[in-house]
Amino acid sequence: MAEKPKGKKEQPPAEKVTPKPAEKPAVAPAAEEKPEEAPAAKPKGKKKPKIRKKEKGAYTRYKVDATGLMRLRPYCERCGPGYFMADHGDRFACGHCGFTRYKRE
C-alpha cells in the first residue's frame, strides 16, 4: 500500500456550487434581432422543352404515278383499310392492334 503523506489532514469534499445564469442585457429595438433565414436553395435551371415528333402526312404513305395512287405499305389485316402497318425491315407491324406479319427473305 501507498503511504499517505504526513501532516496533511483529509478534508471532506467541498459542496458543488452551480453558478447562476446571468440575466440577458436589455436588447435594443428589433434592429439587432434578425430572424433566421432558411439556407439558400440552389437556383433551378430552366426546363428544356420537350421535343415532339411531327406527324408525317398521308403523302408519305402513297406514291403518285401516271396510273394513279399506289400504297407503299400494306393495311392491317385485322383493323382494315385506314390502318397502315409499320415497316420494321424484316416485318410489318400494326401499331393499333399489334398484329405482325413477317417478310419473306
PDB file of N, CA and C in Angstrom:
ATOM      1  N   MET A   1       0.811  -1.172   0.000  1.00  0.00           N
ATOM      2  CA  MET A   1       0.000   0.000   0.000  1.00  0.00           C
ATOM      3  C   MET A   1       0.862   1.246   0.000  1.00  0.00           C
ATOM      4  N   ALA A   2       0.262   2.245  -0.586  1.00  0.00           N
ATOM      5  CA  ALA A   2       0.991   3.509  -0.615  1.00  0.00           C
ATOM      6  C   ALA A   2       0.745   4.251   0.686  1.00  0.00           C
ATOM      7  N   GLU A   3       1.769   4.883   1.180  1.00  0.00           N
ATOM      8  CA  GLU A   3       1.641   5.610   2.433  1.00  0.00           C
ATOM      9  C   GLU A   3       1.110   7.004   2.180  1.00  0.00           C
ATOM     10  N   LYS A   4       0.324   7.499   3.099  1.00  0.00           N
ATOM     11  CA  LYS A   4      -0.227   8.835   2.984  1.00  0.00           C
ATOM     12  C   LYS A   4       0.804   9.818   3.492  1.00  0.00           C
ATOM     13  N   PRO A   5       0.875  10.982   2.862  1.00  0.00           N
ATOM     14  CA  PRO A   5       1.823  11.964   3.355  1.00  0.00           C
ATOM     15  C   PRO A   5       1.418  12.433   4.748  1.00  0.00           C
ATOM     16  N   LYS A   6       2.403  12.616   5.592  1.00  0.00           N
ATOM     17  CA  LYS A   6       2.127  13.013   6.969  1.00  0.00           C
ATOM     18  C   LYS A   6       1.929  14.516   7.043  1.00  0.00           C
ATOM     19  N   GLY A   7       1.176  14.924   7.976  1.00  0.00           N
ATOM     20  CA  GLY A   7       0.985  16.340   8.224  1.00  0.00           C
ATOM     21  C   GLY A   7      -0.239  16.919   7.510  1.00  0.00           C
ATOM     22  N   LYS A   8      -0.799  16.228   6.571  1.00  0.00           N
ATOM     23  CA  LYS A   8      -1.978  16.760   5.875  1.00  0.00           C
ATOM     24  C   LYS A   8      -3.186  15.995   6.357  1.00  0.00           C
ATOM     25  N   LYS A   9      -4.227  16.738   6.678  1.00  0.00           N
ATOM     26  CA  LYS A   9      -5.457  16.106   7.108  1.00  0.00           C
ATOM     27  C   LYS A   9      -6.382  15.962   5.905  1.00  0.00           C
ATOM     28  N   GLU A  10      -7.148  14.907   5.956  1.00  0.00           N
ATOM     29  CA  GLU A  10      -8.134  14.730   4.891  1.00  0.00           C
ATOM     30  C   GLU A  10      -9.270  15.706   5.110  1.00  0.00           C
ATOM     31  N   GLN A  11      -9.680  16.347   4.021  1.00  0.00           N
ATOM     32  CA  GLN A  11     -10.775  17.290   4.112  1.00  0.00           C
ATOM     33  C   GLN A  11     -12.008  16.668   3.448  1.00  0.00           C
ATOM     34  N   PRO A  12     -13.170  16.960   4.010  1.00  0.00           N
ATOM     35  CA  PRO A  12     -14.383  16.439   3.367  1.00  0.00           C
ATOM     36  C   PRO A  12     -14.567  17.124   2.013  1.00  0.00           C
ATOM     37  N   PRO A  13     -15.217  16.428   1.081  1.00  0.00           N
ATOM     38  CA  PRO A  13     -15.400  17.038  -0.250  1.00  0.00           C
ATOM     39  C   PRO A  13     -16.215  18.328  -0.170  1.00  0.00           C
ATOM     40  N   ALA A  14     -15.793  19.308  -0.938  1.00  0.00           N
ATOM     41  CA  ALA A  14     -16.458  20.606  -0.917  1.00  0.00           C
ATOM     42  C   ALA A  14     -17.789  20.507  -1.661  1.00  0.00           C
ATOM     43  N   GLU A  15     -18.748  21.317  -1.224  1.00  0.00           N
ATOM     44  CA  GLU A  15     -20.049  21.320  -1.887  1.00  0.00           C
ATOM     45  C   GLU A  15     -19.921  21.979  -3.254  1.00  0.00           C
ATOM     46  N   LYS A  16     -20.639  21.399  -4.190  1.00  0.00           N
ATOM     47  CA  LYS A  16     -20.591  21.958  -5.550  1.00  0.00           C
ATOM     48  C   LYS A  16     -21.557  23.127  -5.626  1.00  0.00           C
ATOM     49  N   VAL A  17     -21.069  24.209  -6.146  1.00  0.00           N
ATOM     50  CA  VAL A  17     -21.893  25.405  -6.281  1.00  0.00           C
ATOM     51  C   VAL A  17     -22.119  25.638  -7.770  1.00  0.00           C
ATOM     52  N   THR A  18     -23.373  25.690  -8.165  1.00  0.00           N
ATOM     53  CA  THR A  18     -23.674  25.949  -9.576  1.00  0.00           C
ATOM     54  C   THR A  18     -23.833  27.445  -9.767  1.00  0.00           C
ATOM     55  N   PRO A  19     -23.164  27.997 -10.757  1.00  0.00           N
ATOM     56  CA  PRO A  19     -23.289  29.438 -10.981  1.00  0.00           C
ATOM     57  C   PRO A  19     -24.663  29.765 -11.548  1.00  0.00           C
ATOM     58  N   LYS A  20     -25.206  30.903 -11.124  1.00  0.00           N
ATOM     59  CA  LYS A  20     -26.500  31.337 -11.634  1.00  0.00           C
ATOM     60  C   LYS A  20     -26.309  31.925 -13.031  1.00  0.00           C
ATOM     61  N   PRO A  21     -27.236  31.622 -13.922  1.00  0.00           N
ATOM     62  CA  PRO A  21     -27.100  32.198 -15.259  1.00  0.00           C
ATOM     63  C   PRO A  21     -27.274  33.708 -15.204  1.00  0.00           C
ATOM     64  N   ALA A  22     -26.463  34.385 -15.961  1.00  0.00           N
ATOM     65  CA  ALA A  22     -26.512  35.846 -15.977  1.00  0.00           C
ATOM     66  C   ALA A  22     -27.767  36.284 -16.704  1.00  0.00           C
ATOM     67  N   GLU A  23     -28.332  37.369 -16.242  1.00  0.00           N
ATOM     68  CA  GLU A  23     -29.526  37.885 -16.896  1.00  0.00           C
ATOM     69  C   GLU A  23     -29.132  38.477 -18.241  1.00  0.00           C
ATOM     70  N   LYS A  24     -30.052  38.333 -19.190  1.00  0.00           N
ATOM     71  CA  LYS A  24     -29.788  38.868 -20.525  1.00  0.00           C
ATOM     72  C   LYS A  24     -29.857  40.379 -20.471  1.00  0.00           C
ATOM     73  N   PRO A  25     -28.926  41.044 -21.143  1.00  0.00           N
ATOM     74  CA  PRO A  25     -28.980  42.514 -21.162  1.00  0.00           C
ATOM     75  C   PRO A  25     -30.175  42.962 -21.987  1.00  0.00           C
ATOM     76  N   ALA A  26     -30.646  44.129 -21.683  1.00  0.00           N
ATOM     77  CA  ALA A  26     -31.784  44.664 -22.422  1.00  0.00           C
ATOM     78  C   ALA A  26     -31.388  44.841 -23.889  1.00  0.00           C
ATOM     79  N   VAL A  27     -32.252  44.381 -24.750  1.00  0.00           N
ATOM     80  CA  VAL A  27     -31.963  44.420 -26.179  1.00  0.00           C
ATOM     81  C   VAL A  27     -32.607  45.655 -26.775  1.00  0.00           C
ATOM     82  N   ALA A  28     -31.874  46.292 -27.670  1.00  0.00           N
ATOM     83  CA  ALA A  28     -32.391  47.460 -28.367  1.00  0.00           C
ATOM     84  C   ALA A  28     -33.538  47.018 -29.282  1.00  0.00           C
ATOM     85  N   PRO A  29     -34.177  47.917 -29.956  1.00  0.00           N
ATOM     86  CA  PRO A  29     -35.286  47.564 -30.844  1.00  0.00           C
ATOM     87  C   PRO A  29     -34.905  46.446 -31.824  1.00  0.00           C
ATOM     88  N   ALA A  30     -35.865  46.017 -32.586  1.00  0.00           N
ATOM     89  CA  ALA A  30     -35.722  44.847 -33.465  1.00  0.00           C
ATOM     90  C   ALA A  30     -34.597  44.977 -34.482  1.00  0.00           C
ATOM     91  N   ALA A  31     -33.912  46.075 -34.491  1.00  0.00           N
ATOM     92  CA  ALA A  31     -32.834  46.257 -35.462  1.00  0.00           C
ATOM     93  C   ALA A  31     -31.738  45.224 -35.243  1.00  0.00           C
ATOM     94  N   GLU A  32     -31.487  44.865 -34.006  1.00  0.00           N
ATOM     95  CA  GLU A  32     -30.433  43.903 -33.737  1.00  0.00           C
ATOM     96  C   GLU A  32     -30.915  42.475 -33.944  1.00  0.00           C
ATOM     97  N   GLU A  33     -32.203  42.218 -33.709  1.00  0.00           N
ATOM     98  CA  GLU A  33     -32.723  40.866 -33.867  1.00  0.00           C
ATOM     99  C   GLU A  33     -33.028  40.621 -35.341  1.00  0.00           C
ATOM    100  N   LYS A  34     -32.419  39.608 -35.855  1.00  0.00           N
ATOM    101  CA  LYS A  34     -32.677  39.244 -37.248  1.00  0.00           C
ATOM    102  C   LYS A  34     -33.274  37.846 -37.259  1.00  0.00           C
ATOM    103  N   PRO A  35     -34.386  37.670 -37.927  1.00  0.00           N
ATOM    104  CA  PRO A  35     -34.958  36.324 -37.990  1.00  0.00           C
ATOM    105  C   PRO A  35     -34.016  35.409 -38.769  1.00  0.00           C
ATOM    106  N   GLU A  36     -33.981  34.172 -38.354  1.00  0.00           N
ATOM    107  CA  GLU A  36     -33.098  33.219 -39.030  1.00  0.00           C
ATOM    108  C   GLU A  36     -33.640  32.942 -40.428  1.00  0.00           C
ATOM    109  N   GLU A  37     -32.773  33.046 -41.393  1.00  0.00           N
ATOM    110  CA  GLU A  37     -33.185  32.799 -42.769  1.00  0.00           C
ATOM    111  C   GLU A  37     -32.901  31.356 -43.131  1.00  0.00           C
ATOM    112  N   ALA A  38     -33.757  30.813 -43.962  1.00  0.00           N
ATOM    113  CA  ALA A  38     -33.552  29.442 -44.431  1.00  0.00           C
ATOM    114  C   ALA A  38     -32.339  29.434 -45.355  1.00  0.00           C
ATOM    115  N   PRO A  39     -31.624  28.327 -45.417  1.00  0.00           N
ATOM    116  CA  PRO A  39     -30.469  28.285 -46.310  1.00  0.00           C
ATOM    117  C   PRO A  39     -30.912  28.489 -47.754  1.00  0.00           C
ATOM    118  N   ALA A  40     -30.081  29.165 -48.492  1.00  0.00           N
ATOM    119  CA  ALA A  40     -30.422  29.489 -49.874  1.00  0.00           C
ATOM    120  C   ALA A  40     -30.524  28.206 -50.687  1.00  0.00           C
ATOM    121  N   ALA A  41     -31.627  28.071 -51.409  1.00  0.00           N
ATOM    122  CA  ALA A  41     -31.811  26.893 -52.259  1.00  0.00           C
ATOM    123  C   ALA A  41     -31.063  27.097 -53.564  1.00  0.00           C
ATOM    124  N   LYS A  42     -30.679  25.995 -54.167  1.00  0.00           N
ATOM    125  CA  LYS A  42     -29.975  26.095 -55.442  1.00  0.00           C
ATOM    126  C   LYS A  42     -30.939  26.609 -56.500  1.00  0.00           C
ATOM    127  N   PRO A  43     -30.503  27.530 -57.315  1.00  0.00           N
ATOM    128  CA  PRO A  43     -31.402  28.021 -58.354  1.00  0.00           C
ATOM    129  C   PRO A  43     -31.655  26.914 -59.375  1.00  0.00           C
ATOM    130  N   LYS A  44     -32.917  26.735 -59.672  1.00  0.00           N
ATOM    131  CA  LYS A  44     -33.267  25.695 -60.644  1.00  0.00           C
ATOM    132  C   LYS A  44     -33.146  26.275 -62.039  1.00  0.00           C
ATOM    133  N   GLY A  45     -32.541  25.497 -62.903  1.00  0.00           N
ATOM    134  CA  GLY A  45     -32.388  25.942 -64.276  1.00  0.00           C
ATOM    135  C   GLY A  45     -33.703  25.808 -65.032  1.00  0.00           C
ATOM    136  N   LYS A  46     -33.751  26.423 -66.159  1.00  0.00           N
ATOM    137  CA  LYS A  46     -34.956  26.334 -66.975  1.00  0.00           C
ATOM    138  C   LYS A  46     -35.079  24.923 -67.523  1.00  0.00           C
ATOM    139  N   LYS A  47     -36.306  24.435 -67.571  1.00  0.00           N
ATOM    140  CA  LYS A  47     -36.538  23.105 -68.113  1.00  0.00           C
ATOM    141  C   LYS A  47     -36.441  23.164 -69.628  1.00  0.00           C
ATOM    142  N   LYS A  48     -35.827  22.121 -70.165  1.00  0.00           N
ATOM    143  CA  LYS A  48     -35.733  22.061 -71.617  1.00  0.00           C
ATOM    144  C   LYS A  48     -37.100  21.686 -72.179  1.00  0.00           C
ATOM    145  N   PRO A  49     -37.512  22.343 -73.231  1.00  0.00           N
ATOM    146  CA  PRO A  49     -38.814  21.982 -73.806  1.00  0.00           C
ATOM    147  C   PRO A  49     -38.738  20.593 -74.438  1.00  0.00           C
ATOM    148  N   LYS A  50     -39.807  19.848 -74.284  1.00  0.00           N
ATOM    149  CA  LYS A  50     -39.845  18.507 -74.857  1.00  0.00           C
ATOM    150  C   LYS A  50     -39.952  18.615 -76.361  1.00  0.00           C
ATOM    151  N   ILE A  51     -39.159  17.798 -77.020  1.00  0.00           N
ATOM    152  CA  ILE A  51     -39.181  17.795 -78.475  1.00  0.00           C
ATOM    153  C   ILE A  51     -40.198  16.759 -78.921  1.00  0.00           C
ATOM    154  N   ARG A  52     -41.208  17.205 -79.580  1.00  0.00           N
ATOM    155  CA  ARG A  52     -42.249  16.311 -80.044  1.00  0.00           C
ATOM    156  C   ARG A  52     -42.017  16.008 -81.513  1.00  0.00           C
ATOM    157  N   LYS A  53     -42.231  14.749 -81.868  1.00  0.00           N
ATOM    158  CA  LYS A  53     -42.092  14.366 -83.264  1.00  0.00           C
ATOM    159  C   LYS A  53     -43.278  14.905 -84.051  1.00  0.00           C
ATOM    160  N   LYS A  54     -42.996  15.359 -85.231  1.00  0.00           N
ATOM    161  CA  LYS A  54     -44.070  15.844 -86.082  1.00  0.00           C
ATOM    162  C   LYS A  54     -44.721  14.653 -86.771  1.00  0.00           C
ATOM    163  N   GLU A  55     -46.024  14.696 -86.857  1.00  0.00           N
ATOM    164  CA  GLU A  55     -46.734  13.628 -87.546  1.00  0.00           C
ATOM    165  C   GLU A  55     -46.449  13.730 -89.030  1.00  0.00           C
ATOM    166  N   LYS A  56     -46.170  12.574 -89.594  1.00  0.00           N
ATOM    167  CA  LYS A  56     -45.940  12.566 -91.032  1.00  0.00           C
ATOM    168  C   LYS A  56     -47.292  12.603 -91.732  1.00  0.00           C
ATOM    169  N   GLY A  57     -47.342  13.322 -92.799  1.00  0.00           N
ATOM    170  CA  GLY A  57     -48.585  13.435 -93.537  1.00  0.00           C
ATOM    171  C   GLY A  57     -48.897  12.166 -94.320  1.00  0.00           C
ATOM    172  N   ALA A  58     -50.099  12.116 -94.851  1.00  0.00           N
ATOM    173  CA  ALA A  58     -50.542  10.954 -95.617  1.00  0.00           C
ATOM    174  C   ALA A  58     -49.743  10.805 -96.907  1.00  0.00           C
ATOM    175  N   TYR A  59     -49.139  11.883 -97.368  1.00  0.00           N
ATOM    176  CA  TYR A  59     -48.391  11.822 -98.622  1.00  0.00           C
ATOM    177  C   TYR A  59     -47.176  10.906 -98.521  1.00  0.00           C
ATOM    178  N   THR A  60     -46.723  10.576 -97.302  1.00  0.00           N
ATOM    179  CA  THR A  60     -45.568   9.700 -97.153  1.00  0.00           C
ATOM    180  C   THR A  60     -45.945   8.235 -97.315  1.00  0.00           C
ATOM    181  N   ARG A  61     -47.234   7.920 -97.306  1.00  0.00           N
ATOM    182  CA  ARG A  61     -47.681   6.530 -97.401  1.00  0.00           C
ATOM    183  C   ARG A  61     -48.154   6.143 -98.803  1.00  0.00           C
ATOM    184  N   TYR A  62     -48.167   7.091 -99.695  1.00  0.00           N
ATOM    185  CA  TYR A  62     -48.625   6.848-101.066  1.00  0.00           C
ATOM    186  C   TYR A  62     -47.586   7.317-102.061  1.00  0.00           C
ATOM    187  N   LYS A  63     -47.667   6.763-103.242  1.00  0.00           N
ATOM    188  CA  LYS A  63     -46.824   7.205-104.351  1.00  0.00           C
ATOM    189  C   LYS A  63     -47.747   7.504-105.521  1.00  0.00           C
ATOM    190  N   VAL A  64     -47.558   8.656-106.139  1.00  0.00           N
ATOM    191  CA  VAL A  64     -48.415   9.062-107.240  1.00  0.00           C
ATOM    192  C   VAL A  64     -47.698   8.760-108.548  1.00  0.00           C
ATOM    193  N   ASP A  65     -48.341   7.957-109.410  1.00  0.00           N
ATOM    194  CA  ASP A  65     -47.817   7.638-110.734  1.00  0.00           C
ATOM    195  C   ASP A  65     -48.798   8.148-111.778  1.00  0.00           C
ATOM    196  N   ALA A  66     -48.423   7.932-113.010  1.00  0.00           N
ATOM    197  CA  ALA A  66     -49.325   8.297-114.099  1.00  0.00           C
ATOM    198  C   ALA A  66     -50.562   7.398-114.067  1.00  0.00           C
ATOM    199  N   THR A  67     -50.420   6.202-113.528  1.00  0.00           N
ATOM    200  CA  THR A  67     -51.552   5.274-113.461  1.00  0.00           C
ATOM    201  C   THR A  67     -52.467   5.573-112.274  1.00  0.00           C
ATOM    202  N   GLY A  68     -51.993   6.292-111.274  1.00  0.00           N
ATOM    203  CA  GLY A  68     -52.821   6.632-110.111  1.00  0.00           C
ATOM    204  C   GLY A  68     -52.032   6.516-108.809  1.00  0.00           C
ATOM    205  N   LEU A  69     -52.754   6.308-107.725  1.00  0.00           N
ATOM    206  CA  LEU A  69     -52.116   6.175-106.419  1.00  0.00           C
ATOM    207  C   LEU A  69     -51.673   4.736-106.176  1.00  0.00           C
ATOM    208  N   MET A  70     -50.532   4.613-105.487  1.00  0.00           N
ATOM    209  CA  MET A  70     -50.035   3.292-105.132  1.00  0.00           C
ATOM    210  C   MET A  70     -49.692   3.330-103.648  1.00  0.00           C
ATOM    211  N   ARG A  71     -50.189   2.357-102.865  1.00  0.00           N
ATOM    212  CA  ARG A  71     -49.884   2.313-101.430  1.00  0.00           C
ATOM    213  C   ARG A  71     -48.470   1.777-101.251  1.00  0.00           C
ATOM    214  N   LEU A  72     -47.682   2.425-100.389  1.00  0.00           N
ATOM    215  CA  LEU A  72     -46.311   1.984-100.145  1.00  0.00           C
ATOM    216  C   LEU A  72     -46.243   0.929 -99.037  1.00  0.00           C
ATOM    217  N   ARG A  73     -47.182   0.942 -98.126  1.00  0.00           N
ATOM    218  CA  ARG A  73     -47.211  -0.042 -97.045  1.00  0.00           C
ATOM    219  C   ARG A  73     -48.584  -0.693 -97.013  1.00  0.00           C
ATOM    220  N   PRO A  74     -48.644  -1.935 -96.544  1.00  0.00           N
ATOM    221  CA  PRO A  74     -49.942  -2.620 -96.533  1.00  0.00           C
ATOM    222  C   PRO A  74     -50.833  -2.147 -95.387  1.00  0.00           C
ATOM    223  N   TYR A  75     -52.141  -2.370 -95.561  1.00  0.00           N
ATOM    224  CA  TYR A  75     -53.089  -2.122 -94.479  1.00  0.00           C
ATOM    225  C   TYR A  75     -53.050  -3.311 -93.525  1.00  0.00           C
ATOM    226  N   CYS A  76     -53.500  -3.092 -92.296  1.00  0.00           N
ATOM    227  CA  CYS A  76     -53.569  -4.173 -91.314  1.00  0.00           C
ATOM    228  C   CYS A  76     -54.687  -5.128 -91.715  1.00  0.00           C
ATOM    229  N   GLU A  77     -54.437  -6.425 -91.608  1.00  0.00           N
ATOM    230  CA  GLU A  77     -55.437  -7.428 -91.981  1.00  0.00           C
ATOM    231  C   GLU A  77     -56.564  -7.502 -90.963  1.00  0.00           C
ATOM    232  N   ARG A  78     -56.304  -7.179 -89.723  1.00  0.00           N
ATOM    233  CA  ARG A  78     -57.336  -7.213 -88.681  1.00  0.00           C
ATOM    234  C   ARG A  78     -58.143  -5.917 -88.635  1.00  0.00           C
ATOM    235  N   CYS A  79     -57.444  -4.785 -88.654  1.00  0.00           N
ATOM    236  CA  CYS A  79     -58.098  -3.485 -88.476  1.00  0.00           C
ATOM    237  C   CYS A  79     -58.771  -2.984 -89.747  1.00  0.00           C
ATOM    238  N   GLY A  80     -58.271  -3.357 -90.888  1.00  0.00           N
ATOM    239  CA  GLY A  80     -58.884  -2.954 -92.147  1.00  0.00           C
ATOM    240  C   GLY A  80     -58.246  -1.718 -92.741  1.00  0.00           C
ATOM    241  N   PRO A  81     -58.849  -1.210 -93.815  1.00  0.00           N
ATOM    242  CA  PRO A  81     -58.299  -0.045 -94.502  1.00  0.00           C
ATOM    243  C   PRO A  81     -58.243   1.169 -93.573  1.00  0.00           C
ATOM    244  N   GLY A  82     -57.196   1.923 -93.716  1.00  0.00           N
ATOM    245  CA  GLY A  82     -57.018   3.117 -92.892  1.00  0.00           C
ATOM    246  C   GLY A  82     -55.953   2.928 -91.818  1.00  0.00           C
ATOM    247  N   TYR A  83     -55.603   1.679 -91.520  1.00  0.00           N
ATOM    248  CA  TYR A  83     -54.561   1.408 -90.533  1.00  0.00           C
ATOM    249  C   TYR A  83     -53.359   0.823 -91.251  1.00  0.00           C
ATOM    250  N   PHE A  84     -52.395   1.673 -91.537  1.00  0.00           N
ATOM    251  CA  PHE A  84     -51.179   1.219 -92.200  1.00  0.00           C
ATOM    252  C   PHE A  84     -50.299   0.470 -91.209  1.00  0.00           C
ATOM    253  N   MET A  85     -49.545  -0.481 -91.726  1.00  0.00           N
ATOM    254  CA  MET A  85     -48.610  -1.235 -90.891  1.00  0.00           C
ATOM    255  C   MET A  85     -47.240  -0.580 -90.986  1.00  0.00           C
ATOM    256  N   ALA A  86     -46.518  -0.600 -89.892  1.00  0.00           N
ATOM    257  CA  ALA A  86     -45.186  -0.006 -89.846  1.00  0.00           C
ATOM    258  C   ALA A  86     -44.184  -0.971 -90.460  1.00  0.00           C
ATOM    259  N   ASP A  87     -43.207  -0.416 -91.162  1.00  0.00           N
ATOM    260  CA  ASP A  87     -42.176  -1.232 -91.805  1.00  0.00           C
ATOM    261  C   ASP A  87     -40.956  -1.265 -90.888  1.00  0.00           C
ATOM    262  N   HIS A  88     -40.638  -2.467 -90.358  1.00  0.00           N
ATOM    263  CA  HIS A  88     -39.507  -2.619 -89.444  1.00  0.00           C
ATOM    264  C   HIS A  88     -38.361  -3.397 -90.072  1.00  0.00           C
ATOM    265  N   GLY A  89     -38.225  -3.363 -91.355  1.00  0.00           N
ATOM    266  CA  GLY A  89     -37.117  -4.044 -92.029  1.00  0.00           C
ATOM    267  C   GLY A  89     -37.412  -5.495 -92.319  1.00  0.00           C
ATOM    268  N   ASP A  90     -37.562  -6.333 -91.300  1.00  0.00           N
ATOM    269  CA  ASP A  90     -37.829  -7.754 -91.503  1.00  0.00           C
ATOM    270  C   ASP A  90     -39.288  -8.115 -91.267  1.00  0.00           C
ATOM    271  N   ARG A  91     -40.138  -7.138 -90.918  1.00  0.00           N
ATOM    272  CA  ARG A  91     -41.545  -7.416 -90.635  1.00  0.00           C
ATOM    273  C   ARG A  91     -42.379  -6.149 -90.773  1.00  0.00           C
ATOM    274  N   PHE A  92     -43.683  -6.348 -90.886  1.00  0.00           N
ATOM    275  CA  PHE A  92     -44.651  -5.264 -90.835  1.00  0.00           C
ATOM    276  C   PHE A  92     -45.420  -5.424 -89.534  1.00  0.00           C
ATOM    277  N   ALA A  93     -45.674  -4.327 -88.822  1.00  0.00           N
ATOM    278  CA  ALA A  93     -46.395  -4.393 -87.557  1.00  0.00           C
ATOM    279  C   ALA A  93     -47.462  -3.308 -87.504  1.00  0.00           C
ATOM    280  N   CYS A  94     -48.628  -3.675 -86.953  1.00  0.00           N
ATOM    281  CA  CYS A  94     -49.718  -2.715 -86.786  1.00  0.00           C
ATOM    282  C   CYS A  94     -49.573  -2.064 -85.416  1.00  0.00           C
ATOM    283  N   GLY A  95     -49.591  -0.759 -85.375  1.00  0.00           N
ATOM    284  CA  GLY A  95     -49.481  -0.046 -84.106  1.00  0.00           C
ATOM    285  C   GLY A  95     -50.791  -0.011 -83.350  1.00  0.00           C
ATOM    286  N   HIS A  96     -51.904  -0.311 -84.035  1.00  0.00           N
ATOM    287  CA  HIS A  96     -53.213  -0.245 -83.395  1.00  0.00           C
ATOM    288  C   HIS A  96     -53.526  -1.530 -82.636  1.00  0.00           C
ATOM    289  N   CYS A  97     -53.381  -2.681 -83.291  1.00  0.00           N
ATOM    290  CA  CYS A  97     -53.752  -3.946 -82.643  1.00  0.00           C
ATOM    291  C   CYS A  97     -52.551  -4.829 -82.314  1.00  0.00           C
ATOM    292  N   GLY A  98     -51.373  -4.540 -82.873  1.00  0.00           N
ATOM    293  CA  GLY A  98     -50.182  -5.317 -82.567  1.00  0.00           C
ATOM    294  C   GLY A  98     -49.943  -6.481 -83.515  1.00  0.00           C
ATOM    295  N   PHE A  99     -50.778  -6.631 -84.530  1.00  0.00           N
ATOM    296  CA  PHE A  99     -50.606  -7.719 -85.488  1.00  0.00           C
ATOM    297  C   PHE A  99     -49.268  -7.556 -86.210  1.00  0.00           C
ATOM    298  N   THR A 100     -48.541  -8.680 -86.396  1.00  0.00           N
ATOM    299  CA  THR A 100     -47.230  -8.649 -87.049  1.00  0.00           C
ATOM    300  C   THR A 100     -47.221  -9.645 -88.195  1.00  0.00           C
ATOM    301  N   ARG A 101     -46.738  -9.208 -89.312  1.00  0.00           N
ATOM    302  CA  ARG A 101     -46.579 -10.074 -90.479  1.00  0.00           C
ATOM    303  C   ARG A 101     -45.111 -10.008 -90.899  1.00  0.00           C
ATOM    304  N   TYR A 102     -44.452 -11.179 -90.900  1.00  0.00           N
ATOM    305  CA  TYR A 102     -43.029 -11.220 -91.239  1.00  0.00           C
ATOM    306  C   TYR A 102     -42.848 -11.251 -92.743  1.00  0.00           C
ATOM    307  N   LYS A 103     -41.786 -10.602 -93.195  1.00  0.00           N
ATOM    308  CA  LYS A 103     -41.464 -10.563 -94.624  1.00  0.00           C
ATOM    309  C   LYS A 103     -40.739 -11.823 -95.009  1.00  0.00           C
ATOM    310  N   ARG A 104     -40.926 -12.261 -96.236  1.00  0.00           N
ATOM    311  CA  ARG A 104     -40.182 -13.405 -96.735  1.00  0.00           C
ATOM    312  C   ARG A 104     -38.840 -12.924 -97.244  1.00  0.00           C
ATOM    313  N   GLU A 105     -37.831 -13.733 -97.023  1.00  0.00           N
ATOM    314  CA  GLU A 105     -36.489 -13.330 -97.440  1.00  0.00           C
ATOM    315  C   GLU A 105     -36.167 -13.835 -98.814  1.00  0.00           C
TER     316      GLU A 105
END
